């Protein structure tokens, strides 16, 4: 599955932070119905990915630090370490015995690669701003 529960929660958290306000982890998790332990893990990934800043201590909290128009759904999935491949054989470190036995050729792999490229292209086409704030129309698809 491309959008796991963790990525869904990340989208919710980014939606809350898109207001420009600063929130504590507890406030974000309550507002977006995210389990707090899960929230900490997600916020750490979003911070490491450069999407949010986390200020510790009294008066601290989380704040958006990027332009969501410049961040694609593809980017978010990578930040969240999601497996967005249609098959394990799309990974460069996957060892396929079928390909090895056929002089590095596999029709299944070739066809899945075409599908994977289309999925990657579509994930890269849509910004988080668009996904969080605007309805997709047939013209944007």
C-alpha atoms as a PDB file:
ATOM      1  CA  UNK A   1       0.000   0.000   0.000  1.00  0.00           C
ATOM      2  CA  UNK A   2       1.375   3.388  -0.935  1.00  0.00           C
ATOM      3  CA  UNK A   3      -0.304   5.494   1.723  1.00  0.00           C
ATOM      4  CA  UNK A   4       0.149   3.708   5.021  1.00  0.00           C
ATOM      5  CA  UNK A   5      -1.411   4.803   8.279  1.00  0.00           C
ATOM      6  CA  UNK A   6       1.872   6.525   9.161  1.00  0.00           C
ATOM      7  CA  UNK A   7       1.863   8.568   5.941  1.00  0.00           C
ATOM      8  CA  UNK A   8      -1.810   9.372   6.435  1.00  0.00           C
ATOM      9  CA  UNK A   9      -1.045  10.696   9.925  1.00  0.00           C
ATOM     10  CA  UNK A  10       1.886  12.679   8.480  1.00  0.00           C
ATOM     11  CA  UNK A  11      -0.484  14.307   5.984  1.00  0.00           C
ATOM     12  CA  UNK A  12      -2.888  15.169   8.814  1.00  0.00           C
ATOM     13  CA  UNK A  13      -0.087  16.683  10.892  1.00  0.00           C
ATOM     14  CA  UNK A  14       1.157  18.728   7.926  1.00  0.00           C
ATOM     15  CA  UNK A  15      -2.406  19.894   7.301  1.00  0.00           C
ATOM     16  CA  UNK A  16      -2.634  21.206  10.865  1.00  0.00           C
ATOM     17  CA  UNK A  17       0.776  22.872  10.621  1.00  0.00           C
ATOM     18  CA  UNK A  18      -0.078  24.470   7.271  1.00  0.00           C
ATOM     19  CA  UNK A  19      -1.990  27.119   9.250  1.00  0.00           C
ATOM     20  CA  UNK A  20       1.398  28.570  10.199  1.00  0.00           C
ATOM     21  CA  UNK A  21       0.760  28.053  13.893  1.00  0.00           C
ATOM     22  CA  UNK A  22       3.081  26.279  16.285  1.00  0.00           C
ATOM     23  CA  UNK A  23       1.697  23.226  18.063  1.00  0.00           C
ATOM     24  CA  UNK A  24       3.027  20.924  20.729  1.00  0.00           C
ATOM     25  CA  UNK A  25       3.134  17.232  19.924  1.00  0.00           C
ATOM     26  CA  UNK A  26       0.228  16.643  22.281  1.00  0.00           C
ATOM     27  CA  UNK A  27      -1.862  19.351  20.612  1.00  0.00           C
ATOM     28  CA  UNK A  28      -1.147  17.984  17.124  1.00  0.00           C
ATOM     29  CA  UNK A  29      -1.930  14.417  18.107  1.00  0.00           C
ATOM     30  CA  UNK A  30      -5.179  15.423  19.796  1.00  0.00           C
ATOM     31  CA  UNK A  31      -6.227  17.702  16.927  1.00  0.00           C
ATOM     32  CA  UNK A  32      -5.461  15.110  14.247  1.00  0.00           C
ATOM     33  CA  UNK A  33      -6.512  11.957  16.151  1.00  0.00           C
ATOM     34  CA  UNK A  34      -3.005  10.518  16.057  1.00  0.00           C
ATOM     35  CA  UNK A  35      -1.665   8.232  18.793  1.00  0.00           C
ATOM     36  CA  UNK A  36       0.980  10.259  20.631  1.00  0.00           C
ATOM     37  CA  UNK A  37       3.734   7.605  20.469  1.00  0.00           C
ATOM     38  CA  UNK A  38       3.144   7.382  16.715  1.00  0.00           C
ATOM     39  CA  UNK A  39       3.123  11.176  16.524  1.00  0.00           C
ATOM     40  CA  UNK A  40       6.620  11.479  17.996  1.00  0.00           C
ATOM     41  CA  UNK A  41       7.994   9.060  15.420  1.00  0.00           C
ATOM     42  CA  UNK A  42       6.291  10.884  12.551  1.00  0.00           C
ATOM     43  CA  UNK A  43       7.394  14.325  13.733  1.00  0.00           C
ATOM     44  CA  UNK A  44      10.981  13.109  13.984  1.00  0.00           C
ATOM     45  CA  UNK A  45      10.856  11.919  10.353  1.00  0.00           C
ATOM     46  CA  UNK A  46       9.225  15.147   9.164  1.00  0.00           C
ATOM     47  CA  UNK A  47      11.905  17.148  10.972  1.00  0.00           C
ATOM     48  CA  UNK A  48      14.739  15.043   9.573  1.00  0.00           C
ATOM     49  CA  UNK A  49      13.164  15.458   6.114  1.00  0.00           C
ATOM     50  CA  UNK A  50      13.258  19.247   6.469  1.00  0.00           C
ATOM     51  CA  UNK A  51       9.493  19.774   6.452  1.00  0.00           C
ATOM     52  CA  UNK A  52       9.094  20.952  10.050  1.00  0.00           C
ATOM     53  CA  UNK A  53      11.168  22.412  12.838  1.00  0.00           C
ATOM     54  CA  UNK A  54      10.893  21.221  16.398  1.00  0.00           C
ATOM     55  CA  UNK A  55      11.710  23.584  19.240  1.00  0.00           C
ATOM     56  CA  UNK A  56      12.258  21.898  22.576  1.00  0.00           C
ATOM     57  CA  UNK A  57      11.621  23.274  26.026  1.00  0.00           C
ATOM     58  CA  UNK A  58       9.157  25.699  27.522  1.00  0.00           C
ATOM     59  CA  UNK A  59       7.226  27.415  24.748  1.00  0.00           C
ATOM     60  CA  UNK A  60       8.471  24.885  22.225  1.00  0.00           C
ATOM     61  CA  UNK A  61       6.572  22.965  19.630  1.00  0.00           C
ATOM     62  CA  UNK A  62       6.438  22.089  15.958  1.00  0.00           C
ATOM     63  CA  UNK A  63       6.156  24.448  13.036  1.00  0.00           C
ATOM     64  CA  UNK A  64       6.087  24.003   9.273  1.00  0.00           C
ATOM     65  CA  UNK A  65       9.358  25.188   7.705  1.00  0.00           C
ATOM     66  CA  UNK A  66       8.850  24.402   4.030  1.00  0.00           C
ATOM     67  CA  UNK A  67       6.667  25.472   1.141  1.00  0.00           C
ATOM     68  CA  UNK A  68       4.159  22.664   0.661  1.00  0.00           C
ATOM     69  CA  UNK A  69       3.825  23.748  -2.981  1.00  0.00           C
ATOM     70  CA  UNK A  70       7.402  22.544  -3.474  1.00  0.00           C
ATOM     71  CA  UNK A  71       6.994  19.149  -1.777  1.00  0.00           C
ATOM     72  CA  UNK A  72       5.375  16.282  -3.656  1.00  0.00           C
ATOM     73  CA  UNK A  73       3.580  13.249  -2.334  1.00  0.00           C
ATOM     74  CA  UNK A  74       6.538  11.273  -3.701  1.00  0.00           C
ATOM     75  CA  UNK A  75       8.867  13.349  -1.481  1.00  0.00           C
ATOM     76  CA  UNK A  76       6.725  12.686   1.577  1.00  0.00           C
ATOM     77  CA  UNK A  77       6.665   8.928   0.955  1.00  0.00           C
ATOM     78  CA  UNK A  78      10.460   8.933   0.718  1.00  0.00           C
ATOM     79  CA  UNK A  79      10.753  10.962   3.934  1.00  0.00           C
ATOM     80  CA  UNK A  80       8.419   8.522   5.676  1.00  0.00           C
ATOM     81  CA  UNK A  81      10.470   5.573   4.341  1.00  0.00           C
ATOM     82  CA  UNK A  82       7.434   4.120   2.620  1.00  0.00           C
ATOM     83  CA  UNK A  83       7.778   1.345   0.089  1.00  0.00           C
ATOM     84  CA  UNK A  84       6.061   2.835  -2.933  1.00  0.00           C
ATOM     85  CA  UNK A  85       7.266   0.147  -5.346  1.00  0.00           C
ATOM     86  CA  UNK A  86       4.756  -2.074  -7.112  1.00  0.00           C
ATOM     87  CA  UNK A  87       7.074  -5.048  -6.638  1.00  0.00           C
ATOM     88  CA  UNK A  88      10.190  -5.881  -4.662  1.00  0.00           C
ATOM     89  CA  UNK A  89      12.007  -6.380  -7.969  1.00  0.00           C
ATOM     90  CA  UNK A  90      11.849  -2.610  -8.547  1.00  0.00           C
ATOM     91  CA  UNK A  91      14.495  -2.205  -5.840  1.00  0.00           C
ATOM     92  CA  UNK A  92      18.064  -1.934  -7.085  1.00  0.00           C
ATOM     93  CA  UNK A  93      19.264  -4.315  -4.375  1.00  0.00           C
ATOM     94  CA  UNK A  94      16.728  -7.065  -5.235  1.00  0.00           C
ATOM     95  CA  UNK A  95      18.246 -10.271  -6.599  1.00  0.00           C
ATOM     96  CA  UNK A  96      15.976 -11.835  -9.194  1.00  0.00           C
ATOM     97  CA  UNK A  97      16.904 -15.397 -10.085  1.00  0.00           C
ATOM     98  CA  UNK A  98      14.625 -15.262 -13.115  1.00  0.00           C
ATOM     99  CA  UNK A  99      16.487 -12.276 -14.556  1.00  0.00           C
ATOM    100  CA  UNK A 100      19.842 -13.859 -13.752  1.00  0.00           C
ATOM    101  CA  UNK A 101      18.805 -17.038 -15.555  1.00  0.00           C
ATOM    102  CA  UNK A 102      17.588 -15.100 -18.616  1.00  0.00           C
ATOM    103  CA  UNK A 103      20.589 -12.881 -19.377  1.00  0.00           C
ATOM    104  CA  UNK A 104      19.202 -10.046 -17.216  1.00  0.00           C
ATOM    105  CA  UNK A 105      15.890 -10.017 -19.082  1.00  0.00           C
ATOM    106  CA  UNK A 106      12.438 -10.479 -17.581  1.00  0.00           C
ATOM    107  CA  UNK A 107       9.251  -9.410 -19.336  1.00  0.00           C
ATOM    108  CA  UNK A 108       7.412  -9.186 -16.021  1.00  0.00           C
ATOM    109  CA  UNK A 109      10.047  -6.814 -14.612  1.00  0.00           C
ATOM    110  CA  UNK A 110      10.034  -4.743 -17.797  1.00  0.00           C
ATOM    111  CA  UNK A 111       6.258  -4.301 -17.702  1.00  0.00           C
ATOM    112  CA  UNK A 112       6.165  -3.581 -13.975  1.00  0.00           C
ATOM    113  CA  UNK A 113       8.901  -0.977 -14.527  1.00  0.00           C
ATOM    114  CA  UNK A 114       6.624   0.885 -16.930  1.00  0.00           C
ATOM    115  CA  UNK A 115       3.840   0.867 -14.335  1.00  0.00           C
ATOM    116  CA  UNK A 116       6.270   1.970 -11.610  1.00  0.00           C
ATOM    117  CA  UNK A 117       7.454   4.904 -13.712  1.00  0.00           C
ATOM    118  CA  UNK A 118       3.844   6.010 -14.227  1.00  0.00           C
ATOM    119  CA  UNK A 119       3.131   5.802 -10.496  1.00  0.00           C
ATOM    120  CA  UNK A 120       6.308   7.722  -9.635  1.00  0.00           C
ATOM    121  CA  UNK A 121       5.428  10.397 -12.180  1.00  0.00           C
ATOM    122  CA  UNK A 122       1.930  10.804 -10.739  1.00  0.00           C
ATOM    123  CA  UNK A 123       3.230  10.962  -7.145  1.00  0.00           C
ATOM    124  CA  UNK A 124       5.733  13.641  -8.198  1.00  0.00           C
ATOM    125  CA  UNK A 125       3.110  15.683 -10.053  1.00  0.00           C
ATOM    126  CA  UNK A 126       1.016  16.534  -7.017  1.00  0.00           C
ATOM    127  CA  UNK A 127       2.246  18.864  -4.297  1.00  0.00           C
ATOM    128  CA  UNK A 128       1.277  18.426  -0.679  1.00  0.00           C
ATOM    129  CA  UNK A 129      -0.283  21.881  -0.873  1.00  0.00           C
ATOM    130  CA  UNK A 130      -2.587  20.643  -3.614  1.00  0.00           C
ATOM    131  CA  UNK A 131      -3.407  17.426  -1.763  1.00  0.00           C
ATOM    132  CA  UNK A 132      -4.044  19.131   1.577  1.00  0.00           C
ATOM    133  CA  UNK A 133      -5.750  22.268   0.421  1.00  0.00           C
ATOM    134  CA  UNK A 134      -7.386  21.864  -2.943  1.00  0.00           C
ATOM    135  CA  UNK A 135      -9.699  19.385  -4.567  1.00  0.00           C
ATOM    136  CA  UNK A 136      -8.217  17.500  -7.478  1.00  0.00           C
ATOM    137  CA  UNK A 137     -10.138  17.984 -10.686  1.00  0.00           C
ATOM    138  CA  UNK A 138     -10.022  16.032 -13.913  1.00  0.00           C
ATOM    139  CA  UNK A 139      -7.960  18.888 -15.420  1.00  0.00           C
ATOM    140  CA  UNK A 140      -5.202  18.401 -12.814  1.00  0.00           C
ATOM    141  CA  UNK A 141      -5.142  14.627 -13.151  1.00  0.00           C
END
